[in-house]
Each structure stands twice: as structure tokens, then as C-alpha cells.
Amino acid sequence: MSRNHAPVKHRRRLGATVVNAPVVALAIFLSACGGPKLPDAEAPDISLAGLSFTEAGLFEQAFTLQLRFKNPNEFDIPVEALNFALAVNDAPFAEGLSNQDFTLPASAEIIVPVEVSIATNDLIERVTAIGTGRRLSYELSGTADIDSWFSAPVPFSRSGKLALPDLPGLTGSNPPTG
């Protein structure tokens, strides 16, 4: 009986080796590739180009963020998704996901609109916190998923300041008299 068990154990081991061979081959292939076959790339510059009110609702307000992408590279960069957060005056303002595919043209810039929504109560709280300040600081951060099998999401972060337009009666300024 012990003779019958030895070949069975050997067969199981041999079968496991055959089953694992494709996995090992794939691991060797992927480690040899090491990443996308792109030239040395500079990270695109991503900034906030604009913010517009899109739709009003009782519980939620919709906005469109215009994100400016500048590609300093001499090749196009295909982007398949964005995951981002916008903070205004160090407080979270909006978060969003976009699975809209687009291509950053080589040595060019484009503006990509993305939709975000914010709860009405949160918007009122955040606008009230801004007060009568004329300048807003913002931070835009997130990741861009590049259309490539071997690319990890590319992180981005950009901060800046925005000047509010003079809106009589809303920012504490006096309306012109005439």
C-alpha cells in the first residue's frame, strides 16, 4: 500500500508545478517589463481653471470644475479616470470621480470639465466660513489613472489663490453711487 501512495504524492506535486508554471511565467514577464514603455516623462501640471454652478437642488448643489492640464512631454498621455478633492481655505469643499477618457496632447494644455456635487447644508456652511474675504486659497489633489497596463495611478497636488470678483452687497463693499 505504501507503494501506491508514493506515486500519488509525486503526481500531486507534479500537477501543482504544472498549474503554477503559467503564474511563474507571468510573474517573470511582468518583472522584466518593469513598467510602461514610455520615454522619461514629466508629470503633467494640473490646476483649477474655473468653477461654475450647474444645477440647484434642495439637498444638493451641482458644480462643474474646469481642470487645466498642461503636458510638458513630447508625447500624448491617455487618461482613463480621475479621482480628486478640492479644499477651499483649508476646508474640504468637493470630491469627485470621473471615468471620462481623454488624451493630454503632447506639449499642450487642455481644460477638462468634471462634475461635482455638494450637500446644500455643507455649501452654506462653507460659504459662510469664507465670510467677506476677497481671496481664497485652494488645494486640488488626487490621482489620474493613465491608460496603460503597467501604470499605477499618478498622484497630483496643486495649491493656489483665487481672487473673488467685486460683488456689491455680497462682499461688504458699497455699491457705486451716482
Protein backbone atom coordinates (compact mmCIF):
# COMPACT_ATOMS: atom_id res chain seq x y z
CA MET A 1 0.00 0.00 0.00
CA SER A 2 2.80 2.37 0.68
CA ARG A 3 3.92 1.92 -2.95
CA ASN A 4 0.56 3.22 -4.16
CA HIS A 5 0.81 6.36 -2.04
CA ALA A 6 4.23 7.45 -3.27
CA PRO A 7 3.26 7.86 -6.95
CA VAL A 8 0.08 9.72 -5.97
CA LYS A 9 2.08 12.23 -3.89
CA HIS A 10 4.51 12.67 -6.76
CA ARG A 11 1.67 13.24 -9.21
CA ARG A 12 0.11 15.88 -6.99
CA ARG A 13 3.39 17.71 -6.72
CA LEU A 14 3.98 17.49 -10.44
CA GLY A 15 0.42 18.69 -11.12
CA ALA A 16 0.92 21.66 -8.79
CA THR A 17 4.14 22.55 -10.61
CA VAL A 18 2.38 22.45 -13.98
CA VAL A 19 -0.52 24.56 -12.71
CA ASN A 20 1.84 27.15 -11.22
CA ALA A 21 4.09 27.35 -14.29
CA PRO A 22 1.91 29.94 -16.08
CA VAL A 23 1.78 32.04 -12.92
CA VAL A 24 5.58 31.92 -12.61
CA ALA A 25 6.00 32.77 -16.31
CA LEU A 26 3.63 35.74 -15.95
CA ALA A 27 5.50 36.97 -12.87
CA ILE A 28 8.83 36.76 -14.70
CA PHE A 29 7.35 38.58 -17.73
CA LEU A 30 5.89 41.37 -15.59
CA SER A 31 9.06 41.84 -13.57
CA ALA A 32 11.10 42.02 -16.79
CA CYS A 33 8.76 44.68 -18.18
CA GLY A 34 9.14 46.86 -15.12
CA GLY A 35 6.56 49.37 -16.29
CA PRO A 36 5.24 51.15 -19.33
CA LYS A 37 7.50 51.55 -22.31
CA LEU A 38 7.20 55.34 -22.31
CA PRO A 39 10.08 57.76 -22.57
CA ASP A 40 11.13 59.54 -19.40
CA ALA A 41 8.03 61.52 -18.56
CA GLU A 42 7.49 64.73 -16.68
CA ALA A 43 4.32 64.86 -14.62
CA PRO A 44 1.59 67.00 -16.17
CA ASP A 45 0.70 70.20 -14.32
CA ILE A 46 -2.92 70.18 -13.12
CA SER A 47 -4.62 73.30 -11.80
CA LEU A 48 -8.07 74.75 -11.18
CA ALA A 49 -9.10 76.90 -14.16
CA GLY A 50 -12.67 77.61 -13.13
CA LEU A 51 -15.75 76.71 -11.13
CA SER A 52 -19.29 77.16 -12.36
CA PHE A 53 -22.67 76.49 -10.81
CA THR A 54 -24.53 73.83 -12.80
CA GLU A 55 -27.71 72.84 -11.02
CA ALA A 56 -29.60 73.79 -7.87
CA GLY A 57 -31.44 71.31 -5.73
CA LEU A 58 -32.99 71.30 -2.31
CA PHE A 59 -30.50 68.81 -0.86
CA GLU A 60 -27.56 69.08 -3.23
CA GLN A 61 -25.87 71.63 -5.49
CA ALA A 62 -24.01 70.66 -8.66
CA PHE A 63 -20.88 72.38 -9.94
CA THR A 64 -18.53 71.94 -12.86
CA LEU A 65 -14.84 72.27 -12.13
CA GLN A 66 -12.66 73.18 -15.08
CA LEU A 67 -9.31 71.48 -14.58
CA ARG A 68 -6.37 72.72 -16.64
CA PHE A 69 -3.91 70.02 -17.70
CA LYS A 70 -0.53 71.04 -19.14
CA ASN A 71 1.50 68.25 -20.72
CA PRO A 72 5.20 69.22 -20.95
CA ASN A 73 6.10 65.94 -22.67
CA GLU A 74 6.68 65.34 -26.37
CA PHE A 75 4.11 62.53 -26.43
CA ASP A 76 0.37 62.23 -25.77
CA ILE A 77 -0.79 60.90 -22.41
CA PRO A 78 -4.05 58.91 -22.40
CA VAL A 79 -6.01 59.36 -19.16
CA GLU A 80 -8.84 57.00 -18.30
CA ALA A 81 -10.04 58.27 -14.90
CA LEU A 82 -9.60 60.97 -12.26
CA ASN A 83 -10.12 60.88 -8.51
CA PHE A 84 -9.82 64.30 -6.88
CA ALA A 85 -10.61 66.52 -3.90
CA LEU A 86 -10.87 70.29 -3.72
CA ALA A 87 -10.28 72.16 -0.47
CA VAL A 88 -11.01 75.89 -0.12
CA ASN A 89 -9.42 77.89 2.71
CA ASP A 90 -8.12 74.65 4.22
CA ALA A 91 -11.62 73.12 4.44
CA PRO A 92 -12.89 70.30 2.22
CA PHE A 93 -15.15 71.70 -0.50
CA ALA A 94 -15.85 68.94 -3.01
CA GLU A 95 -14.71 65.48 -4.06
CA GLY A 96 -15.21 63.77 -7.35
CA LEU A 97 -14.55 60.82 -9.61
CA SER A 98 -14.54 60.93 -13.38
CA ASN A 99 -14.19 58.00 -15.72
CA GLN A 100 -14.28 60.21 -18.80
CA ASP A 101 -11.40 59.15 -21.07
CA PHE A 102 -9.34 61.94 -22.57
CA THR A 103 -5.90 62.44 -24.05
CA LEU A 104 -3.43 65.11 -23.00
CA PRO A 105 -1.87 66.22 -26.28
CA ALA A 106 1.92 66.43 -26.47
CA SER A 107 3.39 69.82 -25.45
CA ALA A 108 -0.06 71.37 -25.00
CA GLU A 109 -2.73 72.22 -22.48
CA ILE A 110 -6.42 71.41 -22.33
CA ILE A 111 -9.28 72.15 -19.98
CA VAL A 112 -11.29 69.17 -18.80
CA PRO A 113 -14.69 69.76 -17.17
CA VAL A 114 -15.60 67.47 -14.28
CA GLU A 115 -18.86 67.38 -12.35
CA VAL A 116 -19.01 67.58 -8.55
CA SER A 117 -21.85 67.93 -6.12
CA ILE A 118 -22.01 69.20 -2.59
CA ALA A 119 -24.75 68.94 0.03
CA THR A 120 -26.66 72.24 0.36
CA ASN A 121 -26.04 72.44 4.12
CA ASP A 122 -22.30 71.91 3.59
CA LEU A 123 -22.21 74.58 0.88
CA ILE A 124 -23.97 77.14 3.09
CA GLU A 125 -21.58 76.35 5.95
CA ARG A 126 -18.52 76.71 3.71
CA VAL A 127 -19.66 79.93 2.05
CA THR A 128 -20.44 81.42 5.47
CA ALA A 129 -16.97 80.43 6.69
CA ILE A 130 -15.40 82.28 3.75
CA GLY A 131 -17.03 85.48 5.01
CA THR A 132 -16.04 88.73 3.35
CA GLY A 133 -12.55 87.62 2.39
CA ARG A 134 -11.55 88.69 -1.11
CA ARG A 135 -9.01 85.91 -1.71
CA LEU A 136 -9.50 82.20 -1.45
CA SER A 137 -6.77 79.65 -1.12
CA TYR A 138 -7.40 76.27 -2.71
CA GLU A 139 -5.78 72.88 -2.89
CA LEU A 140 -6.60 70.42 -5.63
CA SER A 141 -5.28 66.89 -5.09
CA GLY A 142 -5.95 63.42 -6.34
CA THR A 143 -4.83 60.79 -8.82
CA ALA A 144 -5.04 60.29 -12.57
CA ASP A 145 -5.28 56.78 -13.97
CA ILE A 146 -3.13 56.51 -17.08
CA ASP A 147 -4.36 54.17 -19.83
CA SER A 148 -1.61 51.56 -19.53
CA TRP A 149 -1.42 48.06 -18.10
CA PHE A 150 1.66 48.80 -16.08
CA SER A 151 0.99 52.32 -14.76
CA ALA A 152 -0.01 52.98 -11.20
CA PRO A 153 -2.31 55.98 -10.59
CA VAL A 154 -0.33 59.22 -10.92
CA PRO A 155 -0.80 61.48 -7.89
CA PHE A 156 -1.20 65.25 -8.27
CA SER A 157 -1.48 68.18 -5.90
CA ARG A 158 -1.71 71.87 -6.66
CA SER A 159 -2.46 74.81 -4.43
CA GLY A 160 -3.08 78.41 -5.32
CA LYS A 161 -5.09 81.52 -4.60
CA LEU A 162 -8.18 82.87 -6.30
CA ALA A 163 -9.41 86.48 -6.16
CA LEU A 164 -13.14 86.92 -5.81
CA PRO A 165 -14.85 89.42 -8.11
CA ASP A 166 -16.23 92.58 -6.56
CA LEU A 167 -19.88 91.82 -5.87
CA PRO A 168 -21.60 94.83 -4.30
CA GLY A 169 -23.67 93.88 -1.29
CA LEU A 170 -22.18 90.38 -1.04
CA THR A 171 -18.58 91.07 -0.09
CA GLY A 172 -19.01 94.06 2.18
CA SER A 173 -18.27 96.68 -0.49
CA ASN A 174 -20.52 99.67 -1.04
CA PRO A 175 -22.47 99.96 -4.27
CA PRO A 176 -21.43 102.83 -6.51
CA THR A 177 -23.47 105.97 -6.05
CA GLY A 178 -24.31 108.26 -8.89
